[in-house]
N, C-alpha and C. Protein backbone atom coordinates (compact mmCIF):
# COMPACT_ATOMS: atom_id res chain seq x y z
N MET A 1 6.39 41.56 64.58
CA MET A 1 5.30 41.27 63.33
C MET A 1 3.86 41.60 64.08
N SER A 2 2.98 41.55 63.19
CA SER A 2 1.54 41.65 63.73
C SER A 2 1.09 40.14 64.34
N PRO A 3 -0.08 40.13 65.25
CA PRO A 3 -0.50 39.26 65.83
C PRO A 3 -0.91 38.04 64.68
N LEU A 4 -1.65 38.69 63.69
CA LEU A 4 -2.23 37.70 62.44
C LEU A 4 -0.83 36.73 61.95
N THR A 5 -0.12 37.44 61.69
CA THR A 5 1.35 37.12 61.10
C THR A 5 1.92 35.65 62.00
N HIS A 6 1.80 36.38 63.29
CA HIS A 6 2.12 35.13 64.37
C HIS A 6 1.37 33.97 64.34
N VAL A 7 0.10 34.18 64.44
CA VAL A 7 -0.78 33.18 64.41
C VAL A 7 -0.64 32.24 63.18
N LEU A 8 -0.60 32.90 62.14
CA LEU A 8 -0.19 32.10 60.86
C LEU A 8 1.07 31.37 60.80
N CYS A 9 2.13 31.97 61.23
CA CYS A 9 3.45 31.08 61.17
C CYS A 9 3.53 30.08 61.91
N SER A 10 2.78 30.21 63.32
CA SER A 10 2.45 29.01 64.22
C SER A 10 1.54 27.95 63.74
N TRP A 11 0.54 28.50 63.22
CA TRP A 11 -0.44 27.33 62.53
C TRP A 11 0.17 26.54 61.38
N MET A 12 1.06 27.21 60.78
CA MET A 12 1.81 26.41 59.52
C MET A 12 3.01 25.31 60.34
N LEU A 13 3.14 25.67 61.37
CA LEU A 13 4.05 24.76 62.32
C LEU A 13 3.14 23.51 62.90
N ALA A 14 1.94 24.10 63.35
CA ALA A 14 1.14 23.17 64.11
C ALA A 14 0.27 22.04 63.15
N GLN A 15 0.73 22.00 61.86
CA GLN A 15 0.17 21.31 60.92
C GLN A 15 0.67 19.70 61.56
N ARG A 16 1.75 19.58 61.98
CA ARG A 16 2.23 18.18 62.58
C ARG A 16 1.72 17.87 63.71
N GLY A 17 0.76 18.67 64.43
CA GLY A 17 0.04 18.10 65.42
C GLY A 17 -1.00 17.21 65.03
N GLU A 18 -1.37 16.30 65.90
CA GLU A 18 -1.98 15.28 65.41
C GLU A 18 -3.48 15.47 65.63
N THR A 19 -4.03 16.17 66.92
CA THR A 19 -5.31 16.55 67.14
C THR A 19 -5.44 17.85 67.19
N ARG A 20 -6.70 18.30 67.26
CA ARG A 20 -7.06 19.86 67.29
C ARG A 20 -6.03 20.33 68.35
N ARG A 21 -6.44 19.68 69.69
CA ARG A 21 -5.84 20.27 70.85
C ARG A 21 -4.41 20.49 70.48
N ASP A 22 -3.53 19.65 70.04
CA ASP A 22 -2.28 19.82 69.96
C ASP A 22 -1.95 20.95 69.08
N ARG A 23 -2.71 21.03 67.88
CA ARG A 23 -2.53 22.15 66.92
C ARG A 23 -2.87 23.47 67.73
N ALA A 24 -3.86 23.27 68.51
CA ALA A 24 -4.08 24.64 69.41
C ALA A 24 -2.68 25.17 70.12
N CYS A 25 -2.18 24.15 70.81
CA CYS A 25 -1.12 24.25 71.91
C CYS A 25 -0.10 24.87 71.00
N ILE A 26 0.32 24.28 70.07
CA ILE A 26 1.36 24.85 69.07
C ILE A 26 1.26 26.14 68.51
N THR A 27 0.15 26.32 68.22
CA THR A 27 -0.29 27.77 67.69
C THR A 27 -0.40 28.64 68.76
N LEU A 28 -0.98 28.41 70.01
CA LEU A 28 -0.90 29.23 71.09
C LEU A 28 0.33 29.44 71.65
N ALA A 29 1.33 28.55 71.58
CA ALA A 29 2.56 28.74 72.08
C ALA A 29 3.23 29.81 71.26
N GLY A 30 2.83 30.11 69.97
CA GLY A 30 3.54 30.96 68.93
C GLY A 30 3.06 32.31 69.12
N ILE A 31 1.96 32.67 69.82
CA ILE A 31 1.56 33.87 70.19
C ILE A 31 1.56 33.96 71.41
N ALA A 32 1.88 33.25 72.33
CA ALA A 32 1.92 33.44 73.99
C ALA A 32 2.70 34.48 74.24
N PRO A 33 4.16 34.70 73.44
CA PRO A 33 4.84 36.00 74.09
C PRO A 33 4.11 37.25 73.85
N ASP A 34 3.20 37.45 73.03
CA ASP A 34 2.37 38.65 73.20
C ASP A 34 1.49 39.04 73.90
N PHE A 35 1.36 37.72 75.02
CA PHE A 35 0.57 38.30 76.13
C PHE A 35 0.96 39.07 77.08
N ASP A 36 2.18 39.50 76.97
CA ASP A 36 2.66 40.54 77.58
C ASP A 36 2.30 42.01 77.15
N GLY A 37 1.70 42.02 76.25
CA GLY A 37 1.55 43.28 75.32
C GLY A 37 -0.04 43.84 75.88
N PHE A 38 -0.95 42.84 76.74
CA PHE A 38 -2.16 43.09 77.18
C PHE A 38 -2.34 44.32 78.02
N GLY A 39 -1.14 44.93 78.91
CA GLY A 39 -1.14 45.98 79.23
C GLY A 39 -1.53 47.46 78.46
N ILE A 40 -1.64 47.10 77.30
CA ILE A 40 -2.00 48.34 76.22
C ILE A 40 -3.47 48.61 76.51
N ILE A 41 -4.20 47.70 77.02
CA ILE A 41 -5.71 48.04 77.52
C ILE A 41 -5.85 48.85 78.80
N PRO A 42 -5.12 48.59 79.86
CA PRO A 42 -5.31 49.85 80.78
C PRO A 42 -4.70 51.00 80.51
N ASP A 43 -3.41 50.71 79.86
CA ASP A 43 -2.80 52.37 79.19
C ASP A 43 -3.77 52.91 78.44
N PHE A 44 -4.72 52.52 77.55
CA PHE A 44 -5.57 53.15 77.02
C PHE A 44 -6.48 53.91 77.47
N PHE A 45 -7.18 53.04 78.61
CA PHE A 45 -8.41 53.66 79.49
C PHE A 45 -7.63 54.68 80.71
N THR A 46 -6.29 54.62 80.83
CA THR A 46 -6.09 55.64 81.81
C THR A 46 -5.17 56.62 81.39
N LYS A 47 -5.11 56.83 79.94
CA LYS A 47 -4.35 57.96 79.40
C LYS A 47 -4.73 59.28 79.50
N GLU A 48 -5.84 59.46 79.90
CA GLU A 48 -6.45 60.70 80.03
C GLU A 48 -6.53 61.06 81.65
N SER A 49 -6.01 60.21 82.27
CA SER A 49 -6.44 60.14 83.91
C SER A 49 -5.26 60.86 84.27
N LEU A 50 -5.23 61.18 85.71
CA LEU A 50 -4.12 61.77 86.61
C LEU A 50 -2.95 60.77 86.69
N GLU A 51 -2.99 59.59 86.76
CA GLU A 51 -2.36 58.76 86.86
C GLU A 51 -2.15 57.76 85.62
N PRO A 52 -1.89 58.15 84.74
CA PRO A 52 -1.91 57.11 83.45
C PRO A 52 -0.85 56.23 83.72
N THR A 53 -1.09 54.71 83.15
CA THR A 53 -0.25 53.63 83.44
C THR A 53 0.49 53.46 82.16
N ASN A 54 1.79 52.81 82.27
CA ASN A 54 2.76 52.45 81.21
C ASN A 54 2.83 50.97 81.18
N MET A 55 1.83 50.27 81.03
CA MET A 55 2.20 48.90 81.32
C MET A 55 2.51 48.05 80.11
N TRP A 56 2.04 48.82 78.91
CA TRP A 56 2.67 48.07 77.49
C TRP A 56 3.99 48.30 77.39
N GLY A 57 4.51 49.64 77.96
CA GLY A 57 5.96 50.13 77.47
C GLY A 57 6.81 49.55 78.28
N ALA A 58 6.31 49.09 79.88
CA ALA A 58 7.07 48.80 80.51
C ALA A 58 7.26 47.16 80.51
N TYR A 59 6.11 46.40 80.22
CA TYR A 59 6.19 44.97 80.12
C TYR A 59 6.26 44.32 78.62
N HIS A 60 5.41 44.96 77.74
CA HIS A 60 5.79 44.41 76.15
C HIS A 60 7.13 44.23 75.91
N HIS A 61 7.36 42.80 75.42
CA HIS A 61 8.88 42.22 74.90
C HIS A 61 9.76 41.97 76.22
N VAL A 62 9.11 42.12 77.40
CA VAL A 62 9.68 41.88 78.76
C VAL A 62 9.56 40.65 79.45
N LEU A 63 8.02 40.48 79.60
CA LEU A 63 7.68 39.37 80.38
C LEU A 63 7.48 38.07 79.55
N GLY A 64 7.03 38.18 78.47
CA GLY A 64 6.75 37.22 77.44
C GLY A 64 7.91 36.74 76.62
N HIS A 65 8.66 37.52 76.12
CA HIS A 65 9.60 37.21 75.00
C HIS A 65 11.32 36.76 75.79
N ASN A 66 11.15 35.69 76.49
CA ASN A 66 12.34 35.24 76.92
C ASN A 66 12.19 33.73 77.15
N LEU A 67 13.59 33.35 77.57
CA LEU A 67 13.51 31.75 77.68
C LEU A 67 12.68 31.30 78.93
N GLY A 68 12.62 32.02 79.88
CA GLY A 68 11.85 31.92 81.23
C GLY A 68 10.31 31.56 80.69
N ALA A 69 9.75 32.48 80.05
CA ALA A 69 8.28 32.43 79.64
C ALA A 69 8.26 31.05 78.58
N ALA A 70 8.90 30.81 77.86
CA ALA A 70 9.05 29.59 76.97
C ALA A 70 8.86 28.36 77.54
N LEU A 71 9.94 28.27 78.54
CA LEU A 71 9.90 26.81 79.58
C LEU A 71 8.34 26.88 80.34
N VAL A 72 7.99 27.93 80.66
CA VAL A 72 6.24 27.94 81.54
C VAL A 72 5.59 27.37 80.34
N ILE A 73 5.60 28.17 79.15
CA ILE A 73 4.46 27.78 78.07
C ILE A 73 4.71 26.12 77.81
N MET A 74 5.98 25.58 77.86
CA MET A 74 6.18 24.23 77.11
C MET A 74 5.80 23.08 78.25
N VAL A 75 5.89 23.66 79.55
CA VAL A 75 5.19 22.77 80.91
C VAL A 75 4.00 22.72 80.90
N VAL A 76 2.97 23.97 80.53
CA VAL A 76 1.75 24.01 80.50
C VAL A 76 1.42 23.10 79.19
N VAL A 77 1.99 23.40 78.22
CA VAL A 77 1.72 22.19 76.89
C VAL A 77 1.49 20.77 77.02
N ALA A 78 2.81 20.49 77.82
CA ALA A 78 3.27 19.21 78.31
C ALA A 78 2.04 18.66 79.16
N SER A 79 1.31 19.57 80.07
CA SER A 79 -0.03 19.07 80.88
C SER A 79 -1.12 18.87 79.90
N VAL A 80 -1.20 19.35 78.62
CA VAL A 80 -2.43 19.33 77.98
C VAL A 80 -2.41 18.66 76.79
N ALA A 81 -1.39 18.02 76.34
CA ALA A 81 -1.06 17.84 75.15
C ALA A 81 -1.24 16.16 74.61
N LYS A 82 -1.69 15.48 73.71
CA LYS A 82 -2.04 14.20 73.69
C LYS A 82 -0.68 13.65 73.17
N GLN A 83 -0.05 13.99 72.08
CA GLN A 83 1.24 13.72 71.61
C GLN A 83 2.44 14.45 72.45
N ARG A 84 2.76 14.19 73.74
CA ARG A 84 3.60 15.30 74.48
C ARG A 84 4.84 15.49 73.88
N VAL A 85 5.48 14.55 73.41
CA VAL A 85 7.12 14.90 73.10
C VAL A 85 6.91 15.80 71.78
N LEU A 86 6.26 15.24 70.81
CA LEU A 86 6.14 16.16 69.63
C LEU A 86 5.68 17.47 69.69
N THR A 87 4.45 17.63 70.46
CA THR A 87 3.57 18.91 70.64
C THR A 87 4.62 19.80 71.37
N VAL A 88 5.39 19.27 72.37
CA VAL A 88 6.14 20.47 73.36
C VAL A 88 7.33 20.81 72.52
N TRP A 89 7.88 19.79 71.89
CA TRP A 89 9.01 20.27 70.93
C TRP A 89 8.55 21.43 69.93
N LEU A 90 7.50 21.13 69.67
CA LEU A 90 6.92 22.20 68.08
C LEU A 90 6.52 23.39 69.00
N ALA A 91 5.91 23.33 70.28
CA ALA A 91 5.56 24.73 71.06
C ALA A 91 6.51 25.26 70.99
N GLY A 92 7.55 24.83 71.34
CA GLY A 92 9.10 25.39 71.88
C GLY A 92 9.54 26.25 70.35
N VAL A 93 9.47 25.22 69.43
CA VAL A 93 9.91 26.14 68.38
C VAL A 93 9.13 27.10 67.79
N SER A 94 7.56 26.95 67.96
CA SER A 94 6.67 27.95 67.63
C SER A 94 6.88 29.19 68.36
N PHE A 95 7.19 29.03 70.11
CA PHE A 95 7.62 30.12 70.61
C PHE A 95 8.75 31.11 70.11
N HIS A 96 9.71 30.33 69.75
CA HIS A 96 10.90 30.83 69.54
C HIS A 96 10.89 31.52 68.11
N LEU A 97 9.78 30.90 67.08
CA LEU A 97 9.75 31.46 65.76
C LEU A 97 9.06 33.06 65.97
N HIS A 98 8.37 33.09 66.95
CA HIS A 98 7.63 34.44 67.35
C HIS A 98 8.91 35.38 67.72
N LEU A 99 9.66 34.98 68.41
CA LEU A 99 10.78 35.84 68.99
C LEU A 99 11.81 36.15 67.63
N PHE A 100 11.92 34.99 66.87
CA PHE A 100 12.80 35.34 65.69
C PHE A 100 12.20 36.43 64.66
N CYS A 101 10.78 36.10 64.64
CA CYS A 101 10.02 37.17 63.75
C CYS A 101 10.06 38.40 64.43
N ASP A 102 9.91 38.52 65.57
CA ASP A 102 10.17 39.99 66.19
C ASP A 102 11.38 40.57 66.03
N LEU A 103 12.54 39.64 66.21
CA LEU A 103 13.93 40.03 65.81
C LEU A 103 13.82 40.77 64.64
N ILE A 104 13.55 40.31 63.60
CA ILE A 104 13.84 40.72 62.19
C ILE A 104 12.80 41.49 61.95
N GLY A 105 11.50 41.59 62.18
CA GLY A 105 10.35 42.35 61.52
C GLY A 105 9.66 43.12 62.67
N GLY A 106 10.20 43.62 63.77
CA GLY A 106 9.19 44.41 64.90
C GLY A 106 9.79 45.83 65.05
N GLN A 107 10.47 46.52 63.97
CA GLN A 107 10.80 47.85 64.57
C GLN A 107 9.70 48.47 64.56
N GLY A 108 9.43 49.53 65.73
CA GLY A 108 8.57 50.36 65.94
C GLY A 108 8.45 51.28 64.75
N PRO A 109 7.23 52.10 64.80
CA PRO A 109 7.05 53.08 63.72
C PRO A 109 7.93 54.56 64.12
N ASP A 110 8.20 54.53 65.30
CA ASP A 110 9.37 55.60 65.67
C ASP A 110 10.85 55.28 65.39
N GLY A 111 10.99 53.90 64.82
CA GLY A 111 12.15 53.51 64.28
C GLY A 111 13.05 52.90 65.61
N HIS A 112 12.32 52.62 66.78
CA HIS A 112 12.93 51.92 67.99
C HIS A 112 12.91 50.19 67.69
N HIS A 113 14.17 49.93 67.82
CA HIS A 113 14.71 48.42 67.68
C HIS A 113 14.01 47.59 68.93
N TRP A 114 13.28 46.85 68.93
CA TRP A 114 12.87 46.12 70.12
C TRP A 114 13.87 45.11 70.40
N PRO A 115 14.53 45.64 71.83
CA PRO A 115 15.44 44.39 72.38
C PRO A 115 14.50 43.58 73.00
N MET A 116 15.12 42.69 73.17
CA MET A 116 14.79 41.10 73.96
C MET A 116 15.67 40.93 75.05
N ASN A 117 15.40 40.74 76.21
CA ASN A 117 16.14 39.93 77.12
C ASN A 117 15.85 38.42 77.28
N TYR A 118 16.55 37.81 76.40
CA TYR A 118 16.41 36.54 76.05
C TYR A 118 16.60 35.56 77.00
N LEU A 119 17.39 35.81 77.86
CA LEU A 119 17.65 34.88 79.00
C LEU A 119 17.12 35.21 80.36
N ALA A 120 16.21 36.23 80.38
CA ALA A 120 15.38 36.41 81.65
C ALA A 120 14.84 35.25 81.94
N PRO A 121 14.41 35.09 83.13
CA PRO A 121 14.85 35.63 84.31
C PRO A 121 16.25 35.05 84.65
N PHE A 122 16.91 34.22 83.93
CA PHE A 122 18.16 33.87 84.43
C PHE A 122 19.46 34.62 84.46
N ALA A 123 19.67 35.65 83.30
CA ALA A 123 20.78 36.33 83.12
C ALA A 123 20.03 37.82 82.21
N ASP A 124 20.75 38.93 82.32
CA ASP A 124 20.81 40.04 81.65
C ASP A 124 21.25 40.26 80.32
N TRP A 125 20.66 39.29 79.37
CA TRP A 125 21.37 39.19 77.87
C TRP A 125 20.49 39.92 76.99
N VAL A 126 20.74 41.17 76.39
CA VAL A 126 19.74 41.54 75.40
C VAL A 126 20.13 41.17 74.21
N TRP A 127 18.98 40.75 73.46
CA TRP A 127 19.05 40.36 72.06
C TRP A 127 18.29 41.52 71.08
N ILE A 128 19.29 42.17 70.16
CA ILE A 128 18.70 42.82 69.45
C ILE A 128 19.51 43.15 68.00
N TRP A 129 18.71 43.28 66.93
CA TRP A 129 19.19 43.62 65.51
C TRP A 129 19.13 44.62 65.02
N SER A 130 20.35 45.32 64.34
CA SER A 130 19.96 46.70 63.97
C SER A 130 19.40 46.68 62.65
N GLY A 131 19.46 45.64 61.92
CA GLY A 131 18.84 45.42 60.66
C GLY A 131 17.34 45.28 60.60
N GLN A 132 16.50 45.36 61.70
CA GLN A 132 15.21 45.06 61.93
C GLN A 132 14.38 46.04 61.02
N TRP A 133 13.32 45.58 60.29
CA TRP A 133 12.64 46.08 59.61
C TRP A 133 11.39 46.76 60.44
N ALA A 134 10.87 47.60 59.74
CA ALA A 134 9.44 48.31 60.55
C ALA A 134 8.24 47.28 60.28
N LEU A 135 7.49 47.44 61.37
CA LEU A 135 6.32 46.51 61.54
C LEU A 135 5.34 46.71 60.19
N ASN A 136 5.57 47.78 59.44
CA ASN A 136 4.59 48.08 58.40
C ASN A 136 5.43 47.93 57.27
N ALA A 137 6.59 47.15 57.18
CA ALA A 137 7.49 47.32 56.16
C ALA A 137 6.94 46.14 55.20
N TRP A 138 7.23 46.17 53.98
CA TRP A 138 6.79 45.46 52.82
C TRP A 138 7.09 44.09 53.28
N PRO A 139 8.21 43.63 53.56
CA PRO A 139 8.61 42.06 53.83
C PRO A 139 7.44 41.23 54.72
N ASN A 140 7.10 42.25 55.84
CA ASN A 140 5.82 41.76 56.85
C ASN A 140 4.70 41.47 55.98
N PHE A 141 4.19 42.24 55.04
CA PHE A 141 2.92 42.09 54.12
C PHE A 141 3.14 41.20 53.25
N VAL A 142 4.47 40.88 52.70
CA VAL A 142 4.57 39.63 51.56
C VAL A 142 4.34 38.21 52.40
N LEU A 143 5.23 38.24 53.64
CA LEU A 143 4.99 37.25 54.44
C LEU A 143 3.66 36.71 54.89
N THR A 144 2.91 37.84 55.30
CA THR A 144 1.58 37.57 55.73
C THR A 144 0.69 37.18 54.60
N GLY A 145 1.03 37.74 53.56
CA GLY A 145 0.19 37.29 52.44
C GLY A 145 0.13 35.69 51.88
N CYS A 146 1.79 35.39 51.93
CA CYS A 146 1.87 33.89 51.64
C CYS A 146 1.58 33.00 52.58
N LEU A 147 1.46 33.29 53.81
CA LEU A 147 0.95 32.80 55.02
C LEU A 147 -0.83 32.67 54.86
N LEU A 148 -1.31 33.78 54.44
CA LEU A 148 -2.72 33.41 54.27
C LEU A 148 -3.08 32.65 52.84
N VAL A 149 -2.44 32.63 51.69
CA VAL A 149 -2.42 31.75 50.56
C VAL A 149 -2.15 30.11 51.07
N ALA A 150 -1.07 30.11 51.90
CA ALA A 150 -0.84 28.71 52.41
C ALA A 150 -1.82 28.36 53.40
N THR A 151 -2.14 29.13 54.20
CA THR A 151 -3.55 28.71 55.29
C THR A 151 -4.84 28.17 54.27
N VAL A 152 -4.97 28.87 53.14
CA VAL A 152 -6.11 28.78 52.53
C VAL A 152 -6.21 27.05 51.59
N CYS A 153 -4.94 27.03 51.45
CA CYS A 153 -4.48 25.71 50.36
C CYS A 153 -4.71 24.64 51.36
N LEU A 154 -3.87 24.84 52.62
CA LEU A 154 -4.01 23.84 53.66
C LEU A 154 -5.29 23.47 54.06
N ALA A 155 -6.59 24.78 54.33
CA ALA A 155 -7.63 24.31 54.68
C ALA A 155 -8.43 23.50 53.60
N LEU A 156 -8.25 23.67 52.16
CA LEU A 156 -8.68 23.14 51.18
C LEU A 156 -8.15 21.63 51.27
N TYR A 157 -6.86 21.41 51.38
CA TYR A 157 -6.47 20.09 51.46
C TYR A 157 -6.75 19.16 52.65
N ARG A 158 -6.55 19.90 53.92
CA ARG A 158 -6.61 18.96 54.92
C ARG A 158 -8.23 19.17 55.68
N GLY A 159 -8.90 20.05 55.28
CA GLY A 159 -10.16 20.20 55.75
C GLY A 159 -10.51 20.99 56.89
N PHE A 160 -9.46 21.69 57.64
CA PHE A 160 -9.51 22.52 58.67
C PHE A 160 -8.41 23.71 58.60
N SER A 161 -8.93 24.67 59.43
CA SER A 161 -8.01 26.02 59.22
C SER A 161 -8.03 26.40 60.86
N PRO A 162 -7.04 27.61 60.92
CA PRO A 162 -7.32 27.93 62.23
C PRO A 162 -8.41 28.20 63.11
N LEU A 163 -9.52 28.28 62.39
CA LEU A 163 -10.50 28.78 62.83
C LEU A 163 -11.17 27.37 63.81
N GLU A 164 -10.96 26.43 63.54
CA GLU A 164 -11.02 25.21 64.39
C GLU A 164 -10.74 25.37 65.98
N MET A 165 -9.72 26.19 66.23
CA MET A 165 -9.36 26.64 67.88
C MET A 165 -10.44 27.39 68.25
N VAL A 166 -11.35 28.17 67.59
CA VAL A 166 -12.23 28.73 68.02
C VAL A 166 -13.95 28.18 67.86
N SER A 167 -13.74 27.90 67.01
CA SER A 167 -15.48 26.97 66.36
C SER A 167 -15.20 26.06 65.74
N LEU A 168 -15.58 24.89 65.70
CA LEU A 168 -15.68 23.84 64.87
C LEU A 168 -16.87 23.96 63.68
N ARG A 169 -17.75 24.79 64.16
CA ARG A 169 -18.85 25.00 63.18
C ARG A 169 -18.16 26.17 62.25
N ALA A 170 -17.57 26.98 62.77
CA ALA A 170 -17.04 28.09 62.07
C ALA A 170 -16.09 27.81 61.12
N ASP A 171 -15.37 26.71 61.55
CA ASP A 171 -14.31 26.08 60.75
C ASP A 171 -14.82 25.50 59.41
N GLU A 172 -15.91 24.74 59.80
CA GLU A 172 -16.49 23.65 58.81
C GLU A 172 -17.12 24.43 57.69
N ALA A 173 -17.65 25.79 58.26
CA ALA A 173 -18.41 26.64 57.24
C ALA A 173 -17.30 27.05 56.44
N PHE A 174 -16.21 27.84 57.08
CA PHE A 174 -15.03 28.10 56.13
C PHE A 174 -14.51 27.50 54.99
N VAL A 175 -14.17 26.26 55.49
CA VAL A 175 -13.71 25.22 54.71
C VAL A 175 -14.62 24.95 53.40
N MET A 176 -15.71 24.84 53.76
CA MET A 176 -17.00 24.31 52.75
C MET A 176 -16.79 25.40 51.95
N THR A 177 -16.90 26.65 52.13
CA THR A 177 -17.05 27.84 51.55
C THR A 177 -16.08 28.07 50.44
N LEU A 178 -14.59 27.59 50.96
CA LEU A 178 -13.56 27.68 50.27
C LEU A 178 -13.58 26.90 49.44
N ARG A 179 -13.93 25.53 49.67
CA ARG A 179 -14.22 24.21 48.81
C ARG A 179 -15.25 24.56 47.43
N ASN A 180 -16.51 25.05 47.96
CA ASN A 180 -17.41 25.37 46.85
C ASN A 180 -16.83 26.46 45.88
N ARG A 181 -15.99 27.13 46.29
CA ARG A 181 -15.42 28.37 45.27
C ARG A 181 -14.26 27.98 44.84
N PHE A 182 -13.32 26.89 45.25
CA PHE A 182 -11.84 26.98 44.52
C PHE A 182 -11.89 25.44 44.02
N GLU A 183 -12.73 24.51 44.48
CA GLU A 183 -12.49 23.35 43.68
C GLU A 183 -13.32 22.97 42.61
N LYS A 184 -12.98 22.29 41.73
CA LYS A 184 -13.49 21.88 40.48
C LYS A 184 -14.70 21.08 40.65
N LYS A 185 -15.70 21.61 39.95
CA LYS A 185 -17.28 20.59 40.14
C LYS A 185 -16.96 19.40 39.42
N SER A 186 -17.21 18.36 39.76
CA SER A 186 -17.05 17.14 38.84
C SER A 186 -18.62 17.00 38.31
N GLU A 187 -18.64 16.61 36.98
CA GLU A 187 -19.87 16.65 36.26
C GLU A 187 -20.24 15.58 35.92
């Protein structure tokens, strides 16, 4: 699924977090598996060279989409979270929600079904589902649209949005804009 969908799914789960830091930890745990996709950057810059790299093809869905990476992320979250037990548990769920979403809706444009070596580095068991729908299939768009609506509703209700992870000022401006637009003015 798209990174935006992963962020929004994780953000929904992060609503149980007590603090901004805890919500950020839970949300970032939900997008952490895709950090192994940053190899696409050197691949892009070396594609016309004599020795092009294939880091994205070699490492995406390999380094970050497994139990070992989940455990590392959960240890990191435990070291910075305020509400440790709840936040670590939700970070683990968020991480695995990412894997589940990729499993059901991450088929490549060429029809390639993304396998995941889930038990890495402990075992070589590959997780794949033949019913995986394409990245640009309608279920992904519907899910992302529903998550966007839910995010706006939560921002109106709770007074913060995923932007709080980047900038409190931007988050406040976003929430104020939403409230000015959607809330009924009392007379």
